[in-house]
């Protein structure tokens, strides 16, 4: 059960504290911030499920989210937890930013969670119109996804080899 916190707008400074948008010029951050809103999820709620339409991209602000994938060849799903590091703002649910249109994992709130959410179509349109920013953001997103794939690969190998 999601709760949209419509009363509080996202500002460029808040967006600039996230790993994907850190260091971008303040005018760019202000423009991008208009594409985001705040949402919250209670402990145990499913934020999205594998295969669902990817209608929102998320930046984790507070709490913890477990991302899991259910490979058909394994008896149980593989879980990796996205924890809030000393600096928050981890990206998740960005499948739509890669053009798949569907989530490739299931995301469950393992604590009460607060996120920044954006419509991926609007976000991609902005990044297409501003290719330097788009390149920077996508390069950072690719690093996040590469790291997550490495974790999932290690988990899969550990499961198969046990």
N, C-alpha and C. Protein backbone atom coordinates (compact mmCIF):
# COMPACT_ATOMS: atom_id res chain seq x y z
N UNK A 1 0.85 -1.17 0.00
CA UNK A 1 0.00 0.00 0.00
C UNK A 1 0.90 1.23 0.00
N UNK A 2 0.86 1.99 -1.08
CA UNK A 2 1.72 3.15 -1.20
C UNK A 2 0.98 4.39 -0.74
N UNK A 3 1.73 5.33 -0.26
CA UNK A 3 1.19 6.62 0.15
C UNK A 3 1.99 7.69 -0.58
N UNK A 4 1.32 8.50 -1.38
CA UNK A 4 2.01 9.59 -2.07
C UNK A 4 1.98 10.81 -1.18
N UNK A 5 3.14 11.36 -0.91
CA UNK A 5 3.28 12.52 -0.04
C UNK A 5 3.26 13.78 -0.90
N UNK A 6 2.10 14.10 -1.43
CA UNK A 6 1.99 15.18 -2.42
C UNK A 6 2.30 16.56 -1.87
N UNK A 7 2.17 16.74 -0.57
CA UNK A 7 2.36 18.06 0.01
C UNK A 7 3.82 18.51 -0.04
N UNK A 8 4.74 17.56 -0.10
CA UNK A 8 6.15 17.94 -0.08
C UNK A 8 6.79 17.73 -1.44
N UNK A 9 7.16 18.83 -2.05
CA UNK A 9 7.80 18.77 -3.35
C UNK A 9 9.25 18.31 -3.20
N UNK A 10 9.78 17.75 -4.25
CA UNK A 10 11.18 17.36 -4.28
C UNK A 10 11.96 18.55 -4.82
N UNK A 11 13.05 18.90 -4.15
CA UNK A 11 13.87 20.01 -4.64
C UNK A 11 15.18 19.48 -5.21
N UNK A 12 15.86 20.35 -5.94
CA UNK A 12 17.11 19.96 -6.58
C UNK A 12 18.17 19.55 -5.59
N UNK A 13 18.21 20.17 -4.45
CA UNK A 13 19.21 19.83 -3.44
C UNK A 13 19.02 18.38 -2.96
N UNK A 14 17.77 17.99 -2.72
CA UNK A 14 17.47 16.62 -2.30
C UNK A 14 17.89 15.63 -3.39
N UNK A 15 17.56 15.93 -4.63
CA UNK A 15 17.91 15.05 -5.74
C UNK A 15 19.44 14.96 -5.88
N UNK A 16 20.13 16.05 -5.65
CA UNK A 16 21.58 16.08 -5.76
C UNK A 16 22.30 15.26 -4.70
N UNK A 17 21.58 14.80 -3.70
CA UNK A 17 22.17 13.97 -2.65
C UNK A 17 22.14 12.49 -3.01
N UNK A 18 21.61 12.15 -4.17
CA UNK A 18 21.53 10.76 -4.60
C UNK A 18 22.71 10.44 -5.53
N UNK A 19 23.15 9.20 -5.50
CA UNK A 19 24.34 8.81 -6.27
C UNK A 19 24.18 9.04 -7.77
N UNK A 20 22.99 8.85 -8.30
CA UNK A 20 22.79 8.99 -9.75
C UNK A 20 22.83 10.45 -10.21
N UNK A 21 22.39 11.35 -9.35
CA UNK A 21 22.31 12.77 -9.75
C UNK A 21 23.34 13.66 -9.07
N UNK A 22 24.14 13.11 -8.19
CA UNK A 22 25.15 13.87 -7.46
C UNK A 22 26.08 14.61 -8.41
N UNK A 23 26.36 15.87 -8.09
CA UNK A 23 27.32 16.64 -8.85
C UNK A 23 26.79 17.30 -10.12
N UNK A 24 25.53 17.06 -10.47
CA UNK A 24 24.96 17.73 -11.64
C UNK A 24 24.74 19.20 -11.31
N UNK A 25 24.77 20.07 -12.31
CA UNK A 25 24.54 21.50 -12.06
C UNK A 25 23.20 21.76 -11.38
N UNK A 26 23.15 22.78 -10.53
CA UNK A 26 21.94 23.05 -9.75
C UNK A 26 20.73 23.34 -10.64
N UNK A 27 20.91 23.99 -11.80
CA UNK A 27 19.76 24.25 -12.66
C UNK A 27 19.21 22.95 -13.25
N UNK A 28 20.08 22.01 -13.56
CA UNK A 28 19.66 20.70 -14.07
C UNK A 28 18.92 19.95 -12.97
N UNK A 29 19.46 19.97 -11.76
CA UNK A 29 18.81 19.29 -10.63
C UNK A 29 17.42 19.86 -10.37
N UNK A 30 17.29 21.17 -10.47
CA UNK A 30 15.97 21.79 -10.26
C UNK A 30 14.98 21.35 -11.32
N UNK A 31 15.42 21.26 -12.57
CA UNK A 31 14.53 20.80 -13.64
C UNK A 31 14.15 19.33 -13.43
N UNK A 32 15.13 18.49 -13.11
CA UNK A 32 14.86 17.07 -12.88
C UNK A 32 13.96 16.86 -11.67
N UNK A 33 14.14 17.66 -10.64
CA UNK A 33 13.36 17.51 -9.40
C UNK A 33 11.86 17.65 -9.66
N UNK A 34 11.49 18.44 -10.65
CA UNK A 34 10.07 18.61 -10.99
C UNK A 34 9.42 17.32 -11.50
N UNK A 35 10.25 16.36 -11.91
CA UNK A 35 9.74 15.09 -12.42
C UNK A 35 9.51 14.07 -11.32
N UNK A 36 9.94 14.37 -10.10
CA UNK A 36 9.87 13.42 -8.98
C UNK A 36 8.82 13.83 -7.96
N UNK A 37 8.32 12.86 -7.23
CA UNK A 37 7.44 13.07 -6.08
C UNK A 37 7.85 12.09 -5.00
N UNK A 38 7.34 12.30 -3.81
CA UNK A 38 7.67 11.43 -2.67
C UNK A 38 6.57 10.40 -2.47
N UNK A 39 6.98 9.18 -2.13
CA UNK A 39 6.06 8.12 -1.77
C UNK A 39 6.60 7.42 -0.54
N UNK A 40 5.71 6.78 0.20
CA UNK A 40 6.15 5.96 1.34
C UNK A 40 5.40 4.64 1.31
N UNK A 41 6.05 3.62 1.87
CA UNK A 41 5.52 2.26 1.91
C UNK A 41 5.73 1.70 3.31
N UNK A 42 4.71 1.07 3.88
CA UNK A 42 4.88 0.45 5.20
C UNK A 42 5.67 -0.85 5.11
N UNK A 43 6.21 -1.25 6.24
CA UNK A 43 6.92 -2.52 6.37
C UNK A 43 6.11 -3.66 5.76
N UNK A 44 6.76 -4.47 4.94
CA UNK A 44 6.12 -5.65 4.36
C UNK A 44 5.36 -5.44 3.08
N UNK A 45 5.21 -4.20 2.65
CA UNK A 45 4.43 -3.98 1.42
C UNK A 45 5.27 -4.26 0.18
N UNK A 46 4.60 -4.78 -0.84
CA UNK A 46 5.25 -5.02 -2.13
C UNK A 46 5.17 -3.72 -2.92
N UNK A 47 6.33 -3.20 -3.27
CA UNK A 47 6.40 -1.95 -4.02
C UNK A 47 6.09 -2.23 -5.49
N UNK A 48 6.64 -3.31 -6.02
CA UNK A 48 6.28 -3.81 -7.34
C UNK A 48 6.72 -5.26 -7.43
N UNK A 49 6.13 -5.98 -8.37
CA UNK A 49 6.44 -7.40 -8.56
C UNK A 49 7.10 -7.62 -9.91
N UNK A 50 7.92 -8.65 -9.98
CA UNK A 50 8.57 -9.05 -11.22
C UNK A 50 7.49 -9.22 -12.29
N UNK A 51 7.70 -8.59 -13.44
CA UNK A 51 6.75 -8.69 -14.54
C UNK A 51 5.72 -7.57 -14.58
N UNK A 52 5.58 -6.81 -13.48
CA UNK A 52 4.65 -5.68 -13.47
C UNK A 52 5.11 -4.60 -14.44
N UNK A 53 4.17 -3.81 -14.98
CA UNK A 53 4.58 -2.65 -15.78
C UNK A 53 5.46 -1.72 -14.94
N UNK A 54 6.54 -1.26 -15.53
CA UNK A 54 7.47 -0.38 -14.83
C UNK A 54 7.02 1.06 -15.04
N UNK A 55 6.05 1.49 -14.22
CA UNK A 55 5.47 2.82 -14.39
C UNK A 55 6.10 3.88 -13.50
N UNK A 56 7.03 3.48 -12.63
CA UNK A 56 7.74 4.42 -11.79
C UNK A 56 9.18 3.94 -11.59
N UNK A 57 10.10 4.88 -11.53
CA UNK A 57 11.49 4.61 -11.18
C UNK A 57 11.70 5.21 -9.79
N UNK A 58 12.52 4.57 -8.96
CA UNK A 58 12.63 4.95 -7.56
C UNK A 58 14.05 5.28 -7.14
N UNK A 59 14.15 6.19 -6.18
CA UNK A 59 15.38 6.47 -5.45
C UNK A 59 15.05 6.28 -3.98
N UNK A 60 15.74 5.37 -3.34
CA UNK A 60 15.49 5.05 -1.94
C UNK A 60 16.03 6.16 -1.05
N UNK A 61 15.17 6.72 -0.21
CA UNK A 61 15.58 7.80 0.70
C UNK A 61 15.74 7.32 2.13
N UNK A 62 14.83 6.48 2.59
CA UNK A 62 14.90 5.94 3.95
C UNK A 62 14.38 4.52 3.94
N UNK A 63 14.98 3.68 4.76
CA UNK A 63 14.49 2.32 4.92
C UNK A 63 15.30 1.32 4.14
N UNK A 64 14.74 0.14 4.01
CA UNK A 64 15.41 -0.98 3.35
C UNK A 64 14.42 -1.71 2.46
N UNK A 65 14.89 -2.10 1.28
CA UNK A 65 14.06 -2.79 0.30
C UNK A 65 14.79 -4.06 -0.13
N UNK A 66 14.08 -5.17 -0.13
CA UNK A 66 14.64 -6.41 -0.66
C UNK A 66 14.22 -6.56 -2.10
N UNK A 67 15.20 -6.78 -2.96
CA UNK A 67 14.96 -7.05 -4.37
C UNK A 67 15.17 -8.54 -4.58
N UNK A 68 14.20 -9.21 -5.19
CA UNK A 68 14.35 -10.65 -5.42
C UNK A 68 13.94 -11.00 -6.84
N UNK A 69 14.59 -12.01 -7.35
CA UNK A 69 14.29 -12.53 -8.69
C UNK A 69 14.06 -14.02 -8.54
N UNK A 70 13.11 -14.54 -9.29
CA UNK A 70 12.76 -15.96 -9.20
C UNK A 70 13.13 -16.68 -10.49
N UNK A 71 14.40 -17.10 -10.62
CA UNK A 71 14.77 -17.84 -11.82
C UNK A 71 14.03 -19.18 -11.87
N UNK A 72 13.54 -19.54 -13.02
CA UNK A 72 12.72 -20.75 -13.14
C UNK A 72 13.52 -22.02 -12.85
N UNK A 73 14.84 -21.94 -12.94
CA UNK A 73 15.65 -23.14 -12.73
C UNK A 73 16.04 -23.35 -11.26
N UNK A 74 15.68 -22.41 -10.39
CA UNK A 74 16.03 -22.54 -8.97
C UNK A 74 14.77 -22.73 -8.13
N UNK A 75 14.88 -23.46 -7.03
CA UNK A 75 13.70 -23.74 -6.21
C UNK A 75 13.18 -22.53 -5.44
N UNK A 76 14.05 -21.56 -5.12
CA UNK A 76 13.62 -20.40 -4.35
C UNK A 76 14.15 -19.13 -4.99
N UNK A 77 13.48 -17.99 -4.74
CA UNK A 77 13.97 -16.72 -5.29
C UNK A 77 15.32 -16.34 -4.71
N UNK A 78 16.08 -15.56 -5.46
CA UNK A 78 17.34 -15.00 -4.98
C UNK A 78 17.06 -13.60 -4.48
N UNK A 79 17.49 -13.29 -3.25
CA UNK A 79 17.26 -11.97 -2.65
C UNK A 79 18.56 -11.20 -2.53
N UNK A 80 18.50 -9.92 -2.80
CA UNK A 80 19.58 -9.01 -2.47
C UNK A 80 18.92 -7.80 -1.83
N UNK A 81 19.47 -7.31 -0.76
CA UNK A 81 18.86 -6.21 -0.05
C UNK A 81 19.54 -4.89 -0.41
N UNK A 82 18.74 -3.89 -0.70
CA UNK A 82 19.24 -2.55 -0.93
C UNK A 82 19.15 -1.83 0.40
N UNK A 83 20.28 -1.58 1.01
CA UNK A 83 20.29 -0.90 2.31
C UNK A 83 20.64 0.57 2.10
N UNK A 84 20.13 1.41 2.99
CA UNK A 84 20.49 2.81 2.92
C UNK A 84 21.90 2.95 3.49
N UNK A 85 22.85 3.36 2.67
CA UNK A 85 24.21 3.59 3.17
C UNK A 85 24.25 4.90 3.95
N UNK A 86 25.40 5.32 4.40
CA UNK A 86 25.45 6.60 5.09
C UNK A 86 24.81 7.73 4.28
N UNK A 87 24.89 7.62 2.95
CA UNK A 87 24.22 8.59 2.07
C UNK A 87 23.15 7.82 1.31
N UNK A 88 21.91 8.26 1.38
CA UNK A 88 20.82 7.53 0.74
C UNK A 88 20.70 7.88 -0.74
N UNK A 89 19.73 7.26 -1.38
CA UNK A 89 19.44 7.59 -2.77
C UNK A 89 19.73 6.48 -3.75
N UNK A 90 19.74 5.24 -3.29
CA UNK A 90 19.99 4.14 -4.21
C UNK A 90 18.83 3.98 -5.19
N UNK A 91 19.16 3.68 -6.42
CA UNK A 91 18.17 3.53 -7.48
C UNK A 91 17.65 2.10 -7.52
N UNK A 92 16.34 1.96 -7.72
CA UNK A 92 15.76 0.64 -7.99
C UNK A 92 14.49 0.84 -8.79
N UNK A 93 14.07 -0.23 -9.49
CA UNK A 93 12.87 -0.15 -10.31
C UNK A 93 13.09 0.63 -11.60
N UNK A 94 14.30 0.67 -12.08
CA UNK A 94 14.60 1.46 -13.27
C UNK A 94 14.58 0.64 -14.56
N UNK A 95 13.90 -0.51 -14.55
CA UNK A 95 13.83 -1.34 -15.76
C UNK A 95 13.29 -0.55 -16.95
N UNK A 96 12.33 0.31 -16.68
CA UNK A 96 11.73 1.08 -17.77
C UNK A 96 12.73 2.05 -18.39
N UNK A 97 13.72 2.47 -17.62
CA UNK A 97 14.73 3.38 -18.17
C UNK A 97 15.59 2.67 -19.21
N UNK A 98 15.55 1.35 -19.20
CA UNK A 98 16.31 0.58 -20.18
C UNK A 98 15.43 0.07 -21.31
N UNK A 99 14.18 0.50 -21.31
CA UNK A 99 13.29 0.17 -22.41
C UNK A 99 12.55 -1.14 -22.29
N UNK A 100 12.70 -1.86 -21.17
CA UNK A 100 12.01 -3.14 -21.06
C UNK A 100 10.53 -2.96 -20.76
N UNK A 101 10.19 -1.92 -20.02
CA UNK A 101 8.80 -1.64 -19.71
C UNK A 101 8.20 -2.50 -18.61
N UNK A 102 8.95 -3.50 -18.14
CA UNK A 102 8.48 -4.40 -17.08
C UNK A 102 9.58 -4.56 -16.04
N UNK A 103 9.17 -4.70 -14.79
CA UNK A 103 10.15 -4.90 -13.74
C UNK A 103 10.75 -6.29 -13.84
N UNK A 104 12.05 -6.38 -13.62
CA UNK A 104 12.76 -7.66 -13.71
C UNK A 104 12.96 -8.30 -12.34
N UNK A 105 12.55 -7.63 -11.28
CA UNK A 105 12.65 -8.15 -9.92
C UNK A 105 11.39 -7.78 -9.15
N UNK A 106 11.26 -8.33 -7.95
CA UNK A 106 10.20 -7.94 -7.02
C UNK A 106 10.85 -7.11 -5.92
N UNK A 107 10.22 -6.00 -5.54
CA UNK A 107 10.73 -5.13 -4.48
C UNK A 107 9.75 -5.12 -3.32
N UNK A 108 10.25 -5.46 -2.12
CA UNK A 108 9.43 -5.50 -0.91
C UNK A 108 10.09 -4.63 0.16
N UNK A 109 9.29 -3.82 0.82
CA UNK A 109 9.79 -2.97 1.90
C UNK A 109 10.07 -3.82 3.13
N UNK A 110 11.34 -3.89 3.55
CA UNK A 110 11.69 -4.67 4.73
C UNK A 110 11.72 -3.82 6.00
N UNK A 111 11.49 -2.53 5.83
CA UNK A 111 11.24 -1.58 6.90
C UNK A 111 10.24 -0.59 6.32
N UNK A 112 9.81 0.37 7.11
CA UNK A 112 9.06 1.48 6.52
C UNK A 112 10.01 2.17 5.54
N UNK A 113 9.50 2.54 4.38
CA UNK A 113 10.34 3.05 3.30
C UNK A 113 9.81 4.38 2.80
N UNK A 114 10.74 5.28 2.50
CA UNK A 114 10.42 6.53 1.81
C UNK A 114 11.27 6.58 0.55
N UNK A 115 10.63 6.95 -0.54
CA UNK A 115 11.31 6.99 -1.84
C UNK A 115 10.99 8.29 -2.56
N UNK A 116 11.80 8.59 -3.54
CA UNK A 116 11.47 9.58 -4.56
C UNK A 116 11.09 8.74 -5.77
N UNK A 117 9.98 9.06 -6.41
CA UNK A 117 9.50 8.31 -7.57
C UNK A 117 9.36 9.25 -8.76
N UNK A 118 9.54 8.71 -9.94
CA UNK A 118 9.40 9.50 -11.17
C UNK A 118 8.74 8.66 -12.24
N UNK A 119 8.03 9.32 -13.12
CA UNK A 119 7.49 8.68 -14.32
C UNK A 119 8.67 8.45 -15.25
N UNK A 120 8.96 7.19 -15.59
CA UNK A 120 10.14 6.92 -16.41
C UNK A 120 10.06 7.53 -17.81
N UNK A 121 8.86 7.64 -18.37
CA UNK A 121 8.73 8.25 -19.69
C UNK A 121 9.14 9.72 -19.67
N UNK A 122 8.70 10.45 -18.67
CA UNK A 122 9.07 11.86 -18.55
C UNK A 122 10.55 12.01 -18.28
N UNK A 123 11.08 11.13 -17.45
CA UNK A 123 12.50 11.17 -17.13
C UNK A 123 13.34 10.88 -18.36
N UNK A 124 12.97 9.84 -19.12
CA UNK A 124 13.73 9.52 -20.34
C UNK A 124 13.62 10.63 -21.38
N UNK A 125 12.45 11.25 -21.48
CA UNK A 125 12.28 12.36 -22.43
C UNK A 125 13.23 13.51 -22.07
N UNK A 126 13.34 13.80 -20.78
CA UNK A 126 14.26 14.85 -20.34
C UNK A 126 15.70 14.46 -20.69
N UNK A 127 16.09 13.24 -20.38
CA UNK A 127 17.47 12.80 -20.64
C UNK A 127 17.77 12.77 -22.14
N UNK A 128 16.77 12.46 -22.97
CA UNK A 128 16.95 12.50 -24.43
C UNK A 128 17.19 13.93 -24.91
N UNK A 129 16.48 14.88 -24.32
CA UNK A 129 16.63 16.29 -24.71
C UNK A 129 17.92 16.90 -24.21
N UNK A 130 18.53 16.28 -23.20
CA UNK A 130 19.77 16.79 -22.60
C UNK A 130 20.80 15.66 -22.58
N UNK A 131 21.42 15.40 -23.74
CA UNK A 131 22.25 14.21 -23.88
C UNK A 131 23.47 14.14 -22.95
N UNK A 132 24.05 15.26 -22.59
CA UNK A 132 25.20 15.22 -21.68
C UNK A 132 24.75 14.72 -20.31
N UNK A 133 23.65 15.27 -19.82
CA UNK A 133 23.08 14.80 -18.55
C UNK A 133 22.63 13.36 -18.70
N UNK A 134 21.98 13.03 -19.81
CA UNK A 134 21.50 11.67 -20.05
C UNK A 134 22.63 10.66 -20.02
N UNK A 135 23.74 11.00 -20.64
CA UNK A 135 24.89 10.09 -20.65
C UNK A 135 25.42 9.88 -19.23
N UNK A 136 25.54 10.95 -18.49
CA UNK A 136 26.05 10.86 -17.12
C UNK A 136 25.14 9.99 -16.25
N UNK A 137 23.84 10.24 -16.32
CA UNK A 137 22.88 9.49 -15.51
C UNK A 137 22.87 8.02 -15.92
N UNK A 138 22.84 7.74 -17.20
CA UNK A 138 22.78 6.35 -17.66
C UNK A 138 24.08 5.61 -17.34
N UNK A 139 25.21 6.28 -17.41
CA UNK A 139 26.47 5.64 -17.04
C UNK A 139 26.46 5.24 -15.56
N UNK A 140 25.95 6.13 -14.72
CA UNK A 140 25.85 5.83 -13.29
C UNK A 140 24.84 4.71 -13.04
N UNK A 141 23.74 4.73 -13.74
CA UNK A 141 22.74 3.68 -13.60
C UNK A 141 23.32 2.34 -14.06
N UNK A 142 24.11 2.34 -15.12
CA UNK A 142 24.73 1.11 -15.60
C UNK A 142 25.65 0.51 -14.53
N UNK A 143 26.37 1.37 -13.79
CA UNK A 143 27.22 0.88 -12.70
C UNK A 143 26.40 0.19 -11.62
N UNK A 144 25.26 0.80 -11.26
CA UNK A 144 24.37 0.21 -10.25
C UNK A 144 23.89 -1.15 -10.71
N UNK A 145 23.41 -1.22 -11.94
CA UNK A 145 22.87 -2.48 -12.47
C UNK A 145 23.95 -3.55 -12.61
N UNK A 146 25.14 -3.15 -13.01
CA UNK A 146 26.25 -4.09 -13.12
C UNK A 146 26.59 -4.68 -11.76
N UNK A 147 26.61 -3.85 -10.74
CA UNK A 147 26.88 -4.31 -9.38
C UNK A 147 25.80 -5.29 -8.92
N UNK A 148 24.54 -4.96 -9.18
CA UNK A 148 23.43 -5.85 -8.78
C UNK A 148 23.49 -7.18 -9.53
N UNK A 149 23.83 -7.15 -10.81
CA UNK A 149 23.95 -8.39 -11.57
C UNK A 149 25.06 -9.27 -11.01
N UNK A 150 26.17 -8.65 -10.59
CA UNK A 150 27.27 -9.41 -10.00
C UNK A 150 26.82 -10.08 -8.71
N UNK A 151 26.04 -9.37 -7.90
CA UNK A 151 25.52 -9.94 -6.66
C UNK A 151 24.60 -11.11 -6.97
N UNK A 152 23.68 -10.92 -7.89
CA UNK A 152 22.75 -11.99 -8.25
C UNK A 152 23.48 -13.20 -8.82
N UNK A 153 24.50 -12.95 -9.62
CA UNK A 153 25.29 -14.05 -10.18
C UNK A 153 25.96 -14.84 -9.06
N UNK A 154 26.56 -14.14 -8.12
CA UNK A 154 27.21 -14.82 -6.99
C UNK A 154 26.21 -15.63 -6.18
N UNK A 155 25.03 -15.06 -5.94
CA UNK A 155 24.00 -15.78 -5.21
C UNK A 155 23.53 -17.02 -5.97
N UNK A 156 23.36 -16.87 -7.27
CA UNK A 156 22.91 -18.00 -8.08
C UNK A 156 23.95 -19.11 -8.07
N UNK A 157 25.21 -18.75 -8.21
CA UNK A 157 26.27 -19.75 -8.21
C UNK A 157 26.37 -20.44 -6.86
N UNK A 158 26.22 -19.67 -5.77
CA UNK A 158 26.28 -20.25 -4.43
C UNK A 158 25.12 -21.22 -4.23
N UNK A 159 23.94 -20.87 -4.76
CA UNK A 159 22.76 -21.73 -4.63
C UNK A 159 22.93 -23.02 -5.43
N UNK A 160 23.44 -22.91 -6.64
CA UNK A 160 23.60 -24.07 -7.51
C UNK A 160 24.71 -24.98 -6.99
N UNK A 161 25.77 -24.38 -6.44
CA UNK A 161 26.93 -25.15 -6.00
C UNK A 161 26.74 -25.76 -4.61
N UNK A 162 25.72 -25.34 -3.86
CA UNK A 162 25.49 -25.90 -2.52
C UNK A 162 24.92 -27.29 -2.56
